[in-house]
C-alpha atoms as a PDB file:
ATOM      1  CA  MET A   1      11.636  20.638   5.743  1.00  0.00           C
ATOM      2  CA  GLN A   2      10.836  17.770   3.445  1.00  0.00           C
ATOM      3  CA  THR A   3      10.167  14.651   4.482  1.00  0.00           C
ATOM      4  CA  THR A   4      11.158  11.266   2.947  1.00  0.00           C
ATOM      5  CA  THR A   5       8.719   9.092   4.192  1.00  0.00           C
ATOM      6  CA  ALA A   6       5.737   7.940   2.327  1.00  0.00           C
ATOM      7  CA  THR A   7       2.111   6.852   3.679  1.00  0.00           C
ATOM      8  CA  TYR A   8      -0.305   4.689   2.087  1.00  0.00           C
ATOM      9  CA  ASN A   9      -4.016   3.744   2.588  1.00  0.00           C
ATOM     10  CA  ILE A  10      -4.172  -0.025   2.250  1.00  0.00           C
ATOM     11  CA  ARG A  11      -8.054  -1.294   1.443  1.00  0.00           C
ATOM     12  CA  VAL A  12      -8.159  -5.238   1.282  1.00  0.00           C
ATOM     13  CA  GLU A  13     -11.399  -6.857   0.210  1.00  0.00           C
ATOM     14  CA  THR A  14     -11.335 -10.340   1.092  1.00  0.00           C
ATOM     15  CA  CYS A  15     -13.198 -13.963  -0.351  1.00  0.00           C
ATOM     16  CA  ASP A  16     -15.809 -13.227   2.310  1.00  0.00           C
ATOM     17  CA  PHE A  17     -16.821 -10.149   1.150  1.00  0.00           C
ATOM     18  CA  LYS A  18     -15.055  -8.031   4.553  1.00  0.00           C
ATOM     19  CA  VAL A  19     -13.186  -5.241   4.079  1.00  0.00           C
ATOM     20  CA  ILE A  20      -9.838  -4.154   6.029  1.00  0.00           C
ATOM     21  CA  GLU A  21      -8.811  -0.762   5.750  1.00  0.00           C
ATOM     22  CA  PHE A  22      -5.474   0.545   7.401  1.00  0.00           C
ATOM     23  CA  GLN A  23      -2.441   2.762   6.644  1.00  0.00           C
ATOM     24  CA  ARG A  24       1.386   1.798   5.827  1.00  0.00           C
ATOM     25  CA  THR A  25       4.284   4.445   6.231  1.00  0.00           C
ATOM     26  CA  MET A  26       7.327   3.542   3.711  1.00  0.00           C
ATOM     27  CA  PRO A  27      10.798   4.419   4.531  1.00  0.00           C
ATOM     28  CA  THR A  28      11.246   6.547   0.932  1.00  0.00           C
ATOM     29  CA  LYS A  29       9.498   8.696  -1.437  1.00  0.00           C
ATOM     30  CA  PRO A  30       9.099   7.242  -4.325  1.00  0.00           C
ATOM     31  CA  THR A  31       9.511  10.426  -7.123  1.00  0.00           C
ATOM     32  CA  THR A  32       9.673   8.884 -10.640  1.00  0.00           C
ATOM     33  CA  SER A  33       7.136   6.346 -12.503  1.00  0.00           C
ATOM     34  CA  LYS A  34       9.199   3.595 -11.599  1.00  0.00           C
ATOM     35  CA  GLY A  35       9.834   4.327  -8.684  1.00  0.00           C
ATOM     36  CA  ILE A  36       5.882   4.936  -7.570  1.00  0.00           C
ATOM     37  CA  LYS A  37       5.112   1.403  -9.514  1.00  0.00           C
ATOM     38  CA  ALA A  38       8.015  -0.855  -7.205  1.00  0.00           C
ATOM     39  CA  GLN A  39       6.535   0.913  -4.057  1.00  0.00           C
ATOM     40  CA  ASN A  40       3.305  -0.246  -4.709  1.00  0.00           C
ATOM     41  CA  ASN A  41       4.122  -3.837  -5.818  1.00  0.00           C
ATOM     42  CA  LYS A  42       6.227  -4.160  -2.541  1.00  0.00           C
ATOM     43  CA  LEU A  43       3.445  -3.247  -0.520  1.00  0.00           C
ATOM     44  CA  LYS A  44       0.760  -5.281  -2.674  1.00  0.00           C
ATOM     45  CA  GLN A  45       3.784  -8.473  -1.865  1.00  0.00           C
ATOM     46  CA  TRP A  46       3.448  -7.389   1.595  1.00  0.00           C
ATOM     47  CA  VAL A  47      -0.378  -7.603   1.856  1.00  0.00           C
ATOM     48  CA  MET A  48      -0.190 -10.932  -0.182  1.00  0.00           C
ATOM     49  CA  LYS A  49       2.307 -12.363   2.784  1.00  0.00           C
ATOM     50  CA  GLU A  50      -0.040 -10.932   5.900  1.00  0.00           C
ATOM     51  CA  LEU A  51      -3.726 -11.410   4.002  1.00  0.00           C
ATOM     52  CA  PRO A  52      -3.233 -14.655   1.719  1.00  0.00           C
ATOM     53  CA  TYR A  53      -7.319 -14.669   2.151  1.00  0.00           C
ATOM     54  CA  TYR A  54      -7.368 -11.208  -0.299  1.00  0.00           C
ATOM     55  CA  SER A  55      -9.868 -11.160  -3.593  1.00  0.00           C
ATOM     56  CA  ARG A  56      -9.260  -7.235  -3.858  1.00  0.00           C
ATOM     57  CA  ILE A  57      -6.227  -4.856  -3.160  1.00  0.00           C
ATOM     58  CA  GLU A  58      -6.114  -0.864  -3.476  1.00  0.00           C
ATOM     59  CA  ILE A  59      -2.972   0.848  -2.385  1.00  0.00           C
ATOM     60  CA  THR A  60      -3.699   5.059  -1.961  1.00  0.00           C
ATOM     61  CA  PRO A  61      -0.956   7.947  -1.044  1.00  0.00           C
ATOM     62  CA  VAL A  62      -1.768   9.869   1.800  1.00  0.00           C
ATOM     63  CA  ASP A  63      -1.110  13.756   0.863  1.00  0.00           C
ATOM     64  CA  CYS A  64       0.002  15.712   3.508  1.00  0.00           C
END
């Protein structure tokens, strides 16, 4: 059975050089390059809202 969810590892470096890593599962799994960019942008916007003191954000998909 094919899954329609996508899990991402998110690594955030804060202004005081601490690193926070966590995973986030999104309800859709994009297949086109435009969809992947939109999904990454959505994740970045979420991180910026939750952790406003970031200095760097890395998002990588988890391959199952």
